[in-house]
Amino acid sequence: MKATGTIEVKSWDENTWDGRSYKEVEGRKLTEAHVQFTYAGDISGTGSCRYLMYYGDDVAWTTALEEITCDQGSLVLRHVGAYRSSVEAVIEIVDGTGEFLNAKGAATIEWAEDGSGTYTLEYEV
């Protein structure tokens, strides 16, 4: 199955592991971000995501779990990637509920500078 549509960042709350705003700490740091996404299109709903990040000298390494909740059920995604001058990520669909029960597959997101993007989910149930 394939689903496409748009995604937008609804909120982004990121802090260092000791609770300071990530913007207050320069250089190398470990952070956690609580992020909410809005999905529209074939799947319309809300994504709730938790990123763990390490900021090095010229790259931010990321790993995350996200749950997308919509009328048809939910999907759980695992993100592994990096941010240099753009987002590089491998996103795996690892499970789901409702119409997405036991879903497995992959997702891609193409991000624009303004925090909006397009998604493609390809999965089997």
C-alpha atoms as a PDB file:
ATOM      1  CA  MET A   1       0.000   0.000   0.000  1.00  0.00           C
ATOM      2  CA  LYS A   2       1.101   3.566  -0.590  1.00  0.00           C
ATOM      3  CA  ALA A   3       0.002   6.811   1.082  1.00  0.00           C
ATOM      4  CA  THR A   4       1.093  10.347   0.187  1.00  0.00           C
ATOM      5  CA  GLY A   5       0.365  13.842   1.437  1.00  0.00           C
ATOM      6  CA  THR A   6       1.759  16.804   3.312  1.00  0.00           C
ATOM      7  CA  ILE A   7       3.359  17.152   6.730  1.00  0.00           C
ATOM      8  CA  GLU A   8       3.957  20.240   8.858  1.00  0.00           C
ATOM      9  CA  VAL A   9       5.796  20.808  12.114  1.00  0.00           C
ATOM     10  CA  LYS A  10       3.114  21.834  14.619  1.00  0.00           C
ATOM     11  CA  SER A  11       5.446  22.271  17.634  1.00  0.00           C
ATOM     12  CA  TRP A  12       9.099  21.644  18.535  1.00  0.00           C
ATOM     13  CA  ASP A  13      10.299  21.633  22.152  1.00  0.00           C
ATOM     14  CA  GLU A  14      14.005  20.764  22.401  1.00  0.00           C
ATOM     15  CA  ASN A  15      16.215  20.787  25.496  1.00  0.00           C
ATOM     16  CA  THR A  16      19.597  19.466  26.551  1.00  0.00           C
ATOM     17  CA  TRP A  17      19.589  16.388  28.735  1.00  0.00           C
ATOM     18  CA  ASP A  18      20.022  18.604  31.812  1.00  0.00           C
ATOM     19  CA  GLY A  19      16.906  20.641  30.887  1.00  0.00           C
ATOM     20  CA  ARG A  20      18.362  23.773  29.263  1.00  0.00           C
ATOM     21  CA  SER A  21      17.087  25.100  25.952  1.00  0.00           C
ATOM     22  CA  TYR A  22      19.250  23.667  23.174  1.00  0.00           C
ATOM     23  CA  LYS A  23      19.726  27.219  21.859  1.00  0.00           C
ATOM     24  CA  GLU A  24      21.461  28.243  25.113  1.00  0.00           C
ATOM     25  CA  VAL A  25      24.211  25.630  24.810  1.00  0.00           C
ATOM     26  CA  GLU A  26      26.906  26.031  22.163  1.00  0.00           C
ATOM     27  CA  GLY A  27      29.056  23.285  20.708  1.00  0.00           C
ATOM     28  CA  ARG A  28      28.695  19.576  21.325  1.00  0.00           C
ATOM     29  CA  LYS A  29      25.545  18.580  23.187  1.00  0.00           C
ATOM     30  CA  LEU A  30      22.950  15.866  23.710  1.00  0.00           C
ATOM     31  CA  THR A  31      19.303  16.906  23.369  1.00  0.00           C
ATOM     32  CA  GLU A  32      15.787  15.526  23.383  1.00  0.00           C
ATOM     33  CA  ALA A  33      13.031  17.069  21.263  1.00  0.00           C
ATOM     34  CA  HIS A  34       9.295  16.559  21.695  1.00  0.00           C
ATOM     35  CA  VAL A  35       7.790  17.262  18.286  1.00  0.00           C
ATOM     36  CA  GLN A  36       4.206  17.334  17.015  1.00  0.00           C
ATOM     37  CA  PHE A  37       3.477  16.966  13.289  1.00  0.00           C
ATOM     38  CA  THR A  38       0.256  17.484  11.335  1.00  0.00           C
ATOM     39  CA  TYR A  39      -0.358  15.062   8.466  1.00  0.00           C
ATOM     40  CA  ALA A  40      -2.833  15.678   5.611  1.00  0.00           C
ATOM     41  CA  GLY A  41      -3.611  13.644   2.512  1.00  0.00           C
ATOM     42  CA  ASP A  42      -4.095   9.887   2.312  1.00  0.00           C
ATOM     43  CA  ILE A  43      -3.340   9.760   6.046  1.00  0.00           C
ATOM     44  CA  SER A  44      -4.639  12.755   8.004  1.00  0.00           C
ATOM     45  CA  GLY A  45      -3.776  13.023  11.660  1.00  0.00           C
ATOM     46  CA  THR A  46      -1.185  13.968  14.231  1.00  0.00           C
ATOM     47  CA  GLY A  47       2.320  12.645  14.694  1.00  0.00           C
ATOM     48  CA  SER A  48       3.858  12.638  18.172  1.00  0.00           C
ATOM     49  CA  CYS A  49       7.618  12.170  18.010  1.00  0.00           C
ATOM     50  CA  ARG A  50      10.538  11.969  20.455  1.00  0.00           C
ATOM     51  CA  TYR A  51      13.965  12.706  18.981  1.00  0.00           C
ATOM     52  CA  LEU A  52      17.259  12.020  20.733  1.00  0.00           C
ATOM     53  CA  MET A  53      20.065  14.055  19.166  1.00  0.00           C
ATOM     54  CA  TYR A  54      23.789  14.545  19.403  1.00  0.00           C
ATOM     55  CA  TYR A  55      25.196  17.776  18.008  1.00  0.00           C
ATOM     56  CA  GLY A  56      28.795  17.368  16.853  1.00  0.00           C
ATOM     57  CA  ASP A  57      30.956  19.947  15.117  1.00  0.00           C
ATOM     58  CA  ASP A  58      29.251  19.807  11.723  1.00  0.00           C
ATOM     59  CA  VAL A  59      26.381  17.323  12.084  1.00  0.00           C
ATOM     60  CA  ALA A  60      23.428  16.553  14.340  1.00  0.00           C
ATOM     61  CA  TRP A  61      22.838  12.795  14.633  1.00  0.00           C
ATOM     62  CA  THR A  62      19.233  11.791  15.333  1.00  0.00           C
ATOM     63  CA  THR A  63      17.162   8.809  16.325  1.00  0.00           C
ATOM     64  CA  ALA A  64      13.446   8.906  17.070  1.00  0.00           C
ATOM     65  CA  LEU A  65      10.183   7.062  17.535  1.00  0.00           C
ATOM     66  CA  GLU A  66       6.951   8.564  16.252  1.00  0.00           C
ATOM     67  CA  GLU A  67       3.301   7.569  16.509  1.00  0.00           C
ATOM     68  CA  ILE A  68       0.939   8.881  13.852  1.00  0.00           C
ATOM     69  CA  THR A  69      -2.667   8.802  15.047  1.00  0.00           C
ATOM     70  CA  CYS A  70      -5.557   9.110  12.570  1.00  0.00           C
ATOM     71  CA  ASP A  71      -9.153   7.897  12.128  1.00  0.00           C
ATOM     72  CA  GLN A  72      -8.013   4.578  10.624  1.00  0.00           C
ATOM     73  CA  GLY A  73      -5.691   3.705  13.541  1.00  0.00           C
ATOM     74  CA  SER A  74      -2.058   4.480  14.240  1.00  0.00           C
ATOM     75  CA  LEU A  75       1.377   3.884  12.757  1.00  0.00           C
ATOM     76  CA  VAL A  76       4.684   3.653  14.626  1.00  0.00           C
ATOM     77  CA  LEU A  77       7.759   4.946  12.785  1.00  0.00           C
ATOM     78  CA  ARG A  78      11.445   4.640  13.678  1.00  0.00           C
ATOM     79  CA  HIS A  79      13.689   7.468  12.407  1.00  0.00           C
ATOM     80  CA  VAL A  80      17.500   7.287  12.132  1.00  0.00           C
ATOM     81  CA  GLY A  81      19.358  10.129  10.501  1.00  0.00           C
ATOM     82  CA  ALA A  82      21.453  13.242  10.512  1.00  0.00           C
ATOM     83  CA  TYR A  83      21.187  16.936   9.813  1.00  0.00           C
ATOM     84  CA  ARG A  84      24.017  18.684   8.020  1.00  0.00           C
ATOM     85  CA  SER A  85      22.737  21.273   5.560  1.00  0.00           C
ATOM     86  CA  SER A  86      19.579  19.209   5.037  1.00  0.00           C
ATOM     87  CA  VAL A  87      17.767  16.321   6.711  1.00  0.00           C
ATOM     88  CA  GLU A  88      19.008  12.823   5.865  1.00  0.00           C
ATOM     89  CA  ALA A  89      16.918  10.039   7.349  1.00  0.00           C
ATOM     90  CA  VAL A  90      15.895   6.428   7.035  1.00  0.00           C
ATOM     91  CA  ILE A  91      12.347   6.028   8.332  1.00  0.00           C
ATOM     92  CA  GLU A  92      10.945   2.571   8.968  1.00  0.00           C
ATOM     93  CA  ILE A  93       7.298   1.713   9.657  1.00  0.00           C
ATOM     94  CA  VAL A  94       7.541  -0.834  12.476  1.00  0.00           C
ATOM     95  CA  ASP A  95       3.915  -1.418  13.590  1.00  0.00           C
ATOM     96  CA  GLY A  96       0.391  -0.090  13.648  1.00  0.00           C
ATOM     97  CA  THR A  97      -3.132  -0.455  14.969  1.00  0.00           C
ATOM     98  CA  GLY A  98      -6.604  -0.469  13.390  1.00  0.00           C
ATOM     99  CA  GLU A  99      -6.332  -0.619   9.586  1.00  0.00           C
ATOM    100  CA  PHE A 100      -2.533  -0.503  10.004  1.00  0.00           C
ATOM    101  CA  LEU A 101      -2.300  -3.483  12.398  1.00  0.00           C
ATOM    102  CA  ASN A 102       1.152  -5.097  12.067  1.00  0.00           C
ATOM    103  CA  ALA A 103       2.176  -2.616   9.340  1.00  0.00           C
ATOM    104  CA  LYS A 104       5.755  -2.859   8.070  1.00  0.00           C
ATOM    105  CA  GLY A 105       7.412  -0.666   5.490  1.00  0.00           C
ATOM    106  CA  ALA A 106       9.258   2.561   4.811  1.00  0.00           C
ATOM    107  CA  ALA A 107       8.569   6.268   4.748  1.00  0.00           C
ATOM    108  CA  THR A 108      10.229   9.221   3.087  1.00  0.00           C
ATOM    109  CA  ILE A 109       9.753  12.897   3.903  1.00  0.00           C
ATOM    110  CA  GLU A 110      10.967  15.757   1.740  1.00  0.00           C
ATOM    111  CA  TRP A 111      11.321  18.895   3.908  1.00  0.00           C
ATOM    112  CA  ALA A 112      11.161  22.532   2.806  1.00  0.00           C
ATOM    113  CA  GLU A 113      12.945  25.387   4.628  1.00  0.00           C
ATOM    114  CA  ASP A 114       9.670  26.559   6.244  1.00  0.00           C
ATOM    115  CA  GLY A 115       9.081  23.293   8.144  1.00  0.00           C
ATOM    116  CA  SER A 116       6.521  21.904   5.700  1.00  0.00           C
ATOM    117  CA  GLY A 117       7.031  18.847   3.604  1.00  0.00           C
ATOM    118  CA  THR A 118       5.586  15.941   1.670  1.00  0.00           C
ATOM    119  CA  TYR A 119       5.478  12.333   2.818  1.00  0.00           C
ATOM    120  CA  THR A 120       5.272   8.955   1.115  1.00  0.00           C
ATOM    121  CA  LEU A 121       4.520   5.837   3.159  1.00  0.00           C
ATOM    122  CA  GLU A 122       4.869   2.404   1.546  1.00  0.00           C
ATOM    123  CA  TYR A 123       3.762  -0.485   3.728  1.00  0.00           C
ATOM    124  CA  GLU A 124       2.211  -3.925   4.001  1.00  0.00           C
ATOM    125  CA  VAL A 125      -0.310  -5.035   6.616  1.00  0.00           C
END
